[in-house]
Protein backbone atom coordinates (compact mmCIF):
# COMPACT_ATOMS: atom_id res chain seq x y z
CA MET A 1 -75.96 -255.17 0.27
CA GLY A 2 -79.14 -254.30 -1.67
CA ALA A 3 -81.77 -256.40 -3.40
CA ILE A 4 -81.50 -260.18 -3.27
CA VAL A 5 -83.57 -262.77 -5.12
CA ARG A 6 -83.93 -266.05 -3.23
CA ASN A 7 -85.72 -269.23 -4.24
CA LEU A 8 -87.20 -270.35 -0.90
CA PRO A 9 -88.50 -273.72 -2.18
CA GLU A 10 -84.90 -274.75 -2.83
CA GLU A 11 -83.64 -273.74 0.61
CA PRO A 12 -83.69 -276.22 3.51
CA TRP A 13 -86.10 -275.90 6.44
CA GLU A 14 -84.37 -275.14 9.76
CA LYS A 15 -85.36 -276.12 13.30
CA GLY A 16 -88.01 -273.74 14.70
CA ILE A 17 -89.12 -272.66 18.16
CA GLY A 18 -90.13 -276.18 19.22
CA PRO A 19 -90.52 -279.79 18.07
CA GLY A 20 -92.53 -280.16 14.86
CA ILE A 21 -91.91 -276.52 13.87
CA VAL A 22 -89.53 -275.55 11.06
CA ASP A 23 -88.77 -272.27 9.36
CA LYS A 24 -86.95 -270.53 6.51
CA LYS A 25 -85.48 -267.09 6.93
CA ILE A 26 -86.72 -264.62 4.33
CA MET A 27 -84.86 -261.74 5.94
CA GLY A 28 -82.34 -262.52 8.69
CA PRO A 29 -80.13 -260.54 11.06
CA ASN A 30 -77.48 -260.13 8.34
CA ASP A 31 -80.09 -258.38 6.12
CA SER A 32 -81.47 -255.80 8.58
CA ASN A 33 -80.67 -254.42 12.02
CA PHE A 34 -84.34 -253.91 12.97
CA MET A 35 -86.49 -256.47 11.12
CA LEU A 36 -86.62 -260.25 10.68
CA MET A 37 -88.99 -262.15 8.40
CA GLY A 38 -89.53 -265.86 7.95
CA LEU A 39 -91.76 -268.64 6.71
CA ALA A 40 -92.77 -271.11 9.42
CA LYS A 41 -94.50 -274.50 9.16
CA MET A 42 -96.03 -276.54 11.97
CA ASP A 43 -96.86 -280.24 11.78
CA PRO A 44 -100.38 -281.45 12.76
CA GLY A 45 -100.81 -281.85 16.51
CA VAL A 46 -98.05 -279.36 17.35
CA LYS A 47 -98.32 -276.48 19.80
CA SER A 48 -95.63 -273.78 20.10
CA PRO A 49 -94.48 -273.08 23.67
CA PRO A 50 -96.24 -270.08 25.30
CA HIS A 51 -93.90 -267.09 25.13
CA ARG A 52 -93.71 -263.27 24.75
CA HIS A 53 -91.29 -260.82 23.20
CA ARG A 54 -90.11 -257.26 23.72
CA TYR A 55 -90.61 -256.47 20.04
CA THR A 56 -93.57 -256.33 17.60
CA GLN A 57 -94.41 -259.62 15.91
CA VAL A 58 -96.91 -260.20 13.07
CA PHE A 59 -98.18 -263.55 11.74
CA TYR A 60 -99.85 -263.89 8.33
CA PHE A 61 -101.39 -267.36 7.89
CA VAL A 62 -100.83 -268.87 4.46
CA ASP A 63 -102.08 -272.48 4.70
CA GLY A 64 -103.94 -274.72 7.11
CA LYS A 65 -106.24 -274.02 10.04
CA GLY A 66 -105.34 -273.57 13.71
CA GLN A 67 -105.64 -271.43 16.78
CA VAL A 68 -103.62 -268.65 18.37
CA VAL A 69 -103.91 -268.19 22.09
CA VAL A 70 -103.21 -264.62 23.15
CA ASP A 71 -103.03 -263.89 26.88
CA GLY A 72 -105.26 -266.93 27.49
CA GLU A 73 -107.88 -266.09 24.81
CA LYS A 74 -108.14 -268.58 21.91
CA HIS A 75 -108.68 -267.32 18.32
CA GLU A 76 -109.33 -269.43 15.21
CA VAL A 77 -106.97 -268.76 12.29
CA SER A 78 -106.93 -269.81 8.60
CA PRO A 79 -105.36 -268.55 5.37
CA GLY A 80 -105.55 -264.77 5.15
CA CYS A 81 -105.76 -264.17 8.93
CA VAL A 82 -103.29 -261.71 10.47
CA VAL A 83 -102.33 -261.67 14.16
CA ARG A 84 -100.10 -258.99 15.66
CA PHE A 85 -98.44 -258.71 19.05
CA VAL A 86 -97.27 -255.19 19.98
CA HIS A 87 -97.35 -255.10 23.80
CA GLY A 88 -95.52 -258.26 24.85
CA GLU A 89 -98.66 -260.44 24.87
CA GLU A 90 -98.11 -264.07 25.78
CA HIS A 91 -98.93 -266.23 22.82
CA THR A 92 -98.87 -269.74 21.42
CA VAL A 93 -99.90 -271.22 18.09
CA ILE A 94 -101.73 -274.56 17.91
CA ASN A 95 -102.13 -276.79 14.85
CA PRO A 96 -104.85 -279.37 15.56
CA GLY A 97 -104.44 -280.78 12.04
CA PRO A 98 -105.16 -282.57 9.90
CA GLY A 99 -102.49 -280.91 7.69
CA PRO A 100 -99.59 -278.53 8.20
CA LEU A 101 -100.10 -274.91 9.33
CA THR A 102 -97.92 -272.38 7.45
CA LEU A 103 -97.42 -268.71 8.29
CA ILE A 104 -95.22 -265.75 7.47
CA GLU A 105 -93.72 -264.11 10.53
CA VAL A 106 -92.35 -260.57 10.77
CA ARG A 107 -90.45 -259.24 13.80
CA VAL A 108 -89.64 -255.54 14.24
CA LEU A 109 -87.42 -254.17 17.03
CA PRO A 110 -88.54 -251.02 18.85
CA ARG A 111 -86.50 -247.90 18.16
CA GLY A 112 -83.27 -248.03 20.16
CA GLN A 113 -83.41 -251.78 20.90
CA THR A 114 -80.61 -253.74 19.22
CA VAL A 115 -81.01 -257.24 20.68
CA TRP A 116 -83.56 -259.91 19.68
CA GLU A 117 -84.98 -261.25 22.96
């Protein structure tokens, strides 16, 4: 397809990984066979379910303050922080509030893998 210009503020938020989490796809499965990218927003008091992936995942925090728990270890995050998961680490994101927590997420499949798990 080629280059596409999208106005994300005009696009609706979609249901995310859990209650109180919404996202917008920047680059979806129809755009690439190896990479996904999205903008995610968490309401105050929300915690994503602990989970892990068989692909690389990177979070870039844009707005708000929170924590990321990686294999049981808690890390404080704020705008400008980057967190990456490359070895299937279990992780969860926590937004203690008072405002929303917003991040950009990038997922990259390993060479030869064709399914998002």
